[in-house]
C-alpha atoms as a PDB file:
ATOM      1  CA  MET A   1     -61.290  46.561 -71.726  1.00  0.00           C
ATOM      2  CA  TYR A   2     -59.626  45.962 -68.359  1.00  0.00           C
ATOM      3  CA  GLY A   3     -62.804  46.915 -66.566  1.00  0.00           C
ATOM      4  CA  TRP A   4     -64.737  44.391 -68.635  1.00  0.00           C
ATOM      5  CA  ILE A   5     -62.237  41.647 -67.730  1.00  0.00           C
ATOM      6  CA  TRP A   6     -62.317  42.645 -64.054  1.00  0.00           C
ATOM      7  CA  ARG A   7     -66.132  42.556 -63.932  1.00  0.00           C
ATOM      8  CA  HIS A   8     -66.262  39.101 -65.516  1.00  0.00           C
ATOM      9  CA  LEU A   9     -63.730  37.438 -63.218  1.00  0.00           C
ATOM     10  CA  PRO A  10     -65.216  35.355 -60.398  1.00  0.00           C
ATOM     11  CA  GLY A  11     -64.690  35.958 -56.678  1.00  0.00           C
ATOM     12  CA  ASN A  12     -63.937  38.911 -54.477  1.00  0.00           C
ATOM     13  CA  ALA A  13     -61.205  41.526 -55.085  1.00  0.00           C
ATOM     14  CA  TRP A  14     -58.373  39.324 -53.778  1.00  0.00           C
ATOM     15  CA  VAL A  15     -59.372  36.375 -55.956  1.00  0.00           C
ATOM     16  CA  ARG A  16     -59.752  38.672 -58.966  1.00  0.00           C
ATOM     17  CA  ALA A  17     -56.322  40.168 -58.292  1.00  0.00           C
ATOM     18  CA  ALA A  18     -54.752  36.703 -58.100  1.00  0.00           C
ATOM     19  CA  ILE A  19     -56.454  35.597 -61.322  1.00  0.00           C
ATOM     20  CA  SER A  20     -55.376  38.836 -63.010  1.00  0.00           C
ATOM     21  CA  LEU A  21     -51.774  38.244 -61.928  1.00  0.00           C
ATOM     22  CA  LEU A  22     -51.906  34.693 -63.303  1.00  0.00           C
ATOM     23  CA  MET A  23     -53.321  35.981 -66.591  1.00  0.00           C
ATOM     24  CA  ILE A  24     -50.533  38.560 -66.886  1.00  0.00           C
ATOM     25  CA  LEU A  25     -47.876  35.947 -66.130  1.00  0.00           C
ATOM     26  CA  ALA A  26     -49.401  33.599 -68.720  1.00  0.00           C
ATOM     27  CA  ALA A  27     -49.381  36.362 -71.342  1.00  0.00           C
ATOM     28  CA  VAL A  28     -45.732  37.193 -70.623  1.00  0.00           C
ATOM     29  CA  TYR A  29     -44.811  33.501 -70.774  1.00  0.00           C
ATOM     30  CA  LEU A  30     -46.549  33.078 -74.138  1.00  0.00           C
ATOM     31  CA  LEU A  31     -44.848  36.172 -75.528  1.00  0.00           C
ATOM     32  CA  PHE A  32     -41.339  35.096 -74.490  1.00  0.00           C
ATOM     33  CA  GLN A  33     -41.725  31.412 -75.377  1.00  0.00           C
ATOM     34  CA  TYR A  34     -43.620  31.584 -78.656  1.00  0.00           C
ATOM     35  CA  ILE A  35     -44.296  35.047 -80.098  1.00  0.00           C
ATOM     36  CA  PHE A  36     -40.888  36.733 -79.704  1.00  0.00           C
ATOM     37  CA  PRO A  37     -38.854  33.745 -81.030  1.00  0.00           C
ATOM     38  CA  TRP A  38     -41.203  33.529 -84.025  1.00  0.00           C
ATOM     39  CA  ALA A  39     -40.935  37.251 -84.767  1.00  0.00           C
ATOM     40  CA  GLU A  40     -37.169  37.603 -84.210  1.00  0.00           C
ATOM     41  CA  PRO A  41     -36.088  36.604 -87.740  1.00  0.00           C
ATOM     42  CA  LEU A  42     -38.613  39.053 -89.176  1.00  0.00           C
ATOM     43  CA  LEU A  43     -37.174  42.055 -87.294  1.00  0.00           C
ATOM     44  CA  PRO A  44     -34.203  44.042 -88.645  1.00  0.00           C
ATOM     45  CA  PHE A  45     -32.253  44.321 -85.361  1.00  0.00           C
ATOM     46  CA  ASN A  46     -29.339  42.200 -86.603  1.00  0.00           C
ATOM     47  CA  ASP A  47     -29.029  43.998 -89.955  1.00  0.00           C
ATOM     48  CA  VAL A  48     -25.965  46.104 -89.182  1.00  0.00           C
ATOM     49  CA  THR A  49     -24.575  48.445 -91.798  1.00  0.00           C
ATOM     50  CA  VAL A  50     -21.255  49.292 -90.130  1.00  0.00           C
ATOM     51  CA  ASP A  51     -18.596  46.760 -89.235  1.00  0.00           C
ATOM     52  CA  ASN A  52     -14.793  46.640 -88.848  1.00  0.00           C
ATOM     53  CA  ASN A  53     -14.171  46.255 -92.587  1.00  0.00           C
ATOM     54  CA  SER A  54     -16.354  49.098 -93.773  1.00  0.00           C
ATOM     55  CA  GLY A  55     -13.551  51.268 -95.136  1.00  0.00           C
ATOM     56  CA  LEU A  56     -13.654  53.839 -92.372  1.00  0.00           C
ATOM     57  CA  GLY A  57     -10.364  55.248 -91.157  1.00  0.00           C
ATOM     58  CA  ALA A  58      -9.500  57.630 -88.349  1.00  0.00           C
ATOM     59  CA  VAL A  59      -7.471  60.756 -89.058  1.00  0.00           C
ATOM     60  CA  GLY A  60      -6.855  62.974 -86.060  1.00  0.00           C
ATOM     61  CA  GLY A  61      -9.749  61.465 -84.123  1.00  0.00           C
ATOM     62  CA  VAL A  62     -12.207  62.145 -86.959  1.00  0.00           C
ATOM     63  CA  ALA A  63     -13.707  59.316 -88.995  1.00  0.00           C
ATOM     64  CA  VAL A  64     -12.991  59.641 -92.706  1.00  0.00           C
ATOM     65  CA  VAL A  65     -14.932  57.746 -95.364  1.00  0.00           C
ATOM     66  CA  ARG A  66     -12.730  56.516 -98.186  1.00  0.00           C
END
């Protein structure tokens, strides 16, 4: 796939490298500005199952479930 993109870009190697860098930067920008914020509520990273009021106690340095 990358070879196909490289062959279809105009210019010599330096121009192709610059265009490739711009395409990578544009893809990263789109991911951080639009895709990741859209997907964040759908991902379970903030679904914690342990908190301070979970009923765990420490006895002799060992966690005990009550």
